[in-house]
C-alpha atoms as a PDB file:
ATOM      1  CA  MET A   1      78.783 -72.998  15.337  1.00  0.00           C
ATOM      2  CA  GLY A   2      78.555 -70.216  12.819  1.00  0.00           C
ATOM      3  CA  GLY A   3      82.238 -69.794  12.070  1.00  0.00           C
ATOM      4  CA  CYS A   4      84.173 -66.552  12.322  1.00  0.00           C
ATOM      5  CA  GLU A   5      82.287 -63.350  11.619  1.00  0.00           C
ATOM      6  CA  ILE A   6      85.452 -61.545  10.523  1.00  0.00           C
ATOM      7  CA  GLY A   7      86.348 -64.372   8.152  1.00  0.00           C
ATOM      8  CA  SER A   8      82.830 -64.437   6.743  1.00  0.00           C
ATOM      9  CA  LEU A   9      82.855 -60.693   6.137  1.00  0.00           C
ATOM     10  CA  ALA A  10      86.318 -60.879   4.595  1.00  0.00           C
ATOM     11  CA  SER A  11      85.275 -63.509   2.081  1.00  0.00           C
ATOM     12  CA  GLU A  12      82.248 -61.446   1.101  1.00  0.00           C
ATOM     13  CA  LEU A  13      83.731 -57.934   1.007  1.00  0.00           C
ATOM     14  CA  ALA A  14      87.496 -58.126   0.420  1.00  0.00           C
ATOM     15  CA  GLU A  15      87.267 -57.961  -3.365  1.00  0.00           C
ATOM     16  CA  THR A  16      84.399 -55.518  -3.670  1.00  0.00           C
ATOM     17  CA  ASP A  17      84.760 -52.984  -0.855  1.00  0.00           C
ATOM     18  CA  PRO A  18      88.262 -51.509  -0.389  1.00  0.00           C
ATOM     19  CA  SER A  19      87.280 -49.679   2.789  1.00  0.00           C
ATOM     20  CA  ALA A  20      85.847 -52.818   4.361  1.00  0.00           C
ATOM     21  CA  ARG A  21      88.928 -54.782   3.268  1.00  0.00           C
ATOM     22  CA  THR A  22      91.154 -52.282   5.080  1.00  0.00           C
ATOM     23  CA  ASP A  23      89.051 -52.513   8.237  1.00  0.00           C
ATOM     24  CA  LEU A  24      88.958 -56.302   8.092  1.00  0.00           C
ATOM     25  CA  SER A  25      92.704 -56.466   7.594  1.00  0.00           C
ATOM     26  CA  ALA A  26      93.148 -54.301  10.684  1.00  0.00           C
ATOM     27  CA  SER A  27      90.835 -56.661  12.586  1.00  0.00           C
ATOM     28  CA  PHE A  28      92.957 -59.652  11.656  1.00  0.00           C
ATOM     29  CA  ASP A  29      96.069 -57.686  12.647  1.00  0.00           C
ATOM     30  CA  ARG A  30      94.548 -57.010  16.086  1.00  0.00           C
ATOM     31  CA  TRP A  31      93.795 -60.713  16.455  1.00  0.00           C
ATOM     32  CA  GLU A  32      97.283 -61.737  15.337  1.00  0.00           C
ATOM     33  CA  LEU A  33      99.092 -59.287  17.631  1.00  0.00           C
ATOM     34  CA  PRO A  34      98.599 -61.212  20.904  1.00  0.00           C
ATOM     35  CA  ILE A  35      99.758 -64.424  19.218  1.00  0.00           C
ATOM     36  CA  ARG A  36     102.907 -62.677  17.994  1.00  0.00           C
ATOM     37  CA  SER A  37     103.427 -61.007  21.376  1.00  0.00           C
ATOM     38  CA  GLY A  38     103.242 -64.346  23.152  1.00  0.00           C
ATOM     39  CA  LEU A  39     105.799 -65.849  20.792  1.00  0.00           C
ATOM     40  CA  VAL A  40     108.083 -62.829  21.283  1.00  0.00           C
ATOM     41  CA  ARG A  41     107.839 -63.270  25.064  1.00  0.00           C
ATOM     42  CA  MET A  42     108.757 -66.927  24.691  1.00  0.00           C
ATOM     43  CA  GLN A  43     111.737 -65.934  22.542  1.00  0.00           C
ATOM     44  CA  THR A  44     112.822 -63.252  25.026  1.00  0.00           C
ATOM     45  CA  ARG A  45     112.728 -65.778  27.879  1.00  0.00           C
ATOM     46  CA  GLY A  46     114.898 -68.122  25.827  1.00  0.00           C
ATOM     47  CA  GLU A  47     112.141 -70.706  25.403  1.00  0.00           C
ATOM     48  CA  LEU A  48     111.902 -70.230  21.640  1.00  0.00           C
ATOM     49  CA  SER A  49     114.914 -70.228  19.343  1.00  0.00           C
ATOM     50  CA  GLU A  50     116.164 -66.921  17.968  1.00  0.00           C
ATOM     51  CA  ARG A  51     115.855 -68.570  14.514  1.00  0.00           C
ATOM     52  CA  ALA A  52     112.075 -68.586  14.859  1.00  0.00           C
ATOM     53  CA  ASP A  53     110.370 -65.959  12.711  1.00  0.00           C
ATOM     54  CA  VAL A  54     107.669 -65.072  15.216  1.00  0.00           C
ATOM     55  CA  ALA A  55     105.789 -62.834  12.768  1.00  0.00           C
ATOM     56  CA  ALA A  56     105.556 -65.667  10.237  1.00  0.00           C
ATOM     57  CA  LEU A  57     104.584 -68.180  12.920  1.00  0.00           C
ATOM     58  CA  ALA A  58     101.830 -65.899  14.224  1.00  0.00           C
ATOM     59  CA  THR A  59     100.481 -65.405  10.705  1.00  0.00           C
ATOM     60  CA  ALA A  60     100.591 -69.163  10.070  1.00  0.00           C
ATOM     61  CA  LEU A  61      98.650 -69.894  13.248  1.00  0.00           C
ATOM     62  CA  LEU A  62      95.999 -67.305  12.428  1.00  0.00           C
ATOM     63  CA  ALA A  63      95.758 -68.662   8.865  1.00  0.00           C
ATOM     64  CA  ALA A  64      95.366 -72.218  10.190  1.00  0.00           C
ATOM     65  CA  ILE A  65      92.565 -71.088  12.477  1.00  0.00           C
ATOM     66  CA  GLN A  66      90.823 -69.139   9.722  1.00  0.00           C
ATOM     67  CA  GLY A  67      91.246 -71.886   7.115  1.00  0.00           C
ATOM     68  CA  GLY A  68      90.368 -74.710   9.461  1.00  0.00           C
ATOM     69  CA  MET A  69      87.131 -73.090  10.588  1.00  0.00           C
ATOM     70  CA  PRO A  70      85.263 -73.054   7.267  1.00  0.00           C
ATOM     71  CA  LEU A  71      86.469 -76.550   6.372  1.00  0.00           C
ATOM     72  CA  SER A  72      85.249 -77.864   9.696  1.00  0.00           C
ATOM     73  CA  GLN A  73      82.020 -75.938   9.331  1.00  0.00           C
ATOM     74  CA  VAL A  74      81.109 -77.373   5.926  1.00  0.00           C
ATOM     75  CA  ARG A  75      82.273 -80.862   6.847  1.00  0.00           C
ATOM     76  CA  ARG A  76      80.447 -80.720  10.199  1.00  0.00           C
ATOM     77  CA  SER A  77      83.563 -82.019  11.907  1.00  0.00           C
ATOM     78  CA  SER A  78      86.315 -80.285  13.850  1.00  0.00           C
ATOM     79  CA  THR A  79      88.932 -82.556  12.264  1.00  0.00           C
ATOM     80  CA  ALA A  80      90.168 -80.046   9.666  1.00  0.00           C
ATOM     81  CA  TYR A  81      90.466 -77.310  12.286  1.00  0.00           C
ATOM     82  CA  ARG A  82      92.311 -79.579  14.716  1.00  0.00           C
ATOM     83  CA  HIS A  83      94.708 -80.837  12.025  1.00  0.00           C
ATOM     84  CA  ALA A  84      95.507 -77.349  10.725  1.00  0.00           C
ATOM     85  CA  VAL A  85      96.104 -75.820  14.134  1.00  0.00           C
ATOM     86  CA  SER A  86      98.028 -78.874  15.383  1.00  0.00           C
ATOM     87  CA  ALA A  87     100.344 -78.751  12.373  1.00  0.00           C
ATOM     88  CA  VAL A  88     101.242 -75.129  13.062  1.00  0.00           C
ATOM     89  CA  ILE A  89     101.681 -75.747  16.783  1.00  0.00           C
ATOM     90  CA  ASP A  90     103.963 -78.688  15.961  1.00  0.00           C
ATOM     91  CA  HIS A  91     105.979 -76.361  13.734  1.00  0.00           C
ATOM     92  CA  ILE A  92     106.188 -73.741  16.493  1.00  0.00           C
ATOM     93  CA  GLU A  93     107.279 -76.463  18.932  1.00  0.00           C
ATOM     94  CA  SER A  94     110.149 -77.334  16.580  1.00  0.00           C
ATOM     95  CA  TYR A  95     111.676 -74.001  17.653  1.00  0.00           C
ATOM     96  CA  VAL A  96     111.360 -74.677  21.378  1.00  0.00           C
ATOM     97  CA  VAL A  97     114.755 -74.601  23.059  1.00  0.00           C
ATOM     98  CA  PRO A  98     115.365 -77.838  24.968  1.00  0.00           C
END
């Protein structure tokens, strides 16, 4: 319910308020960091291939979450969110070392 407050602010202020855009970008960075850190830990333990670009994968997961939320919100269904996030997780899993 209600979507993401950071995403809502970003869509409203990113083009009109450079200071707010900078702050919002930093907020997304803080959200993305634990995702990236988790992927790095997986890579360090040998669970995720060295070929995996963990920074790109973390950004893709955050983008799937942020893009899936408004679609699900306007469609009143979690389907878009689930499909977007599942697609990125499937891609991340393609780098899992057997």
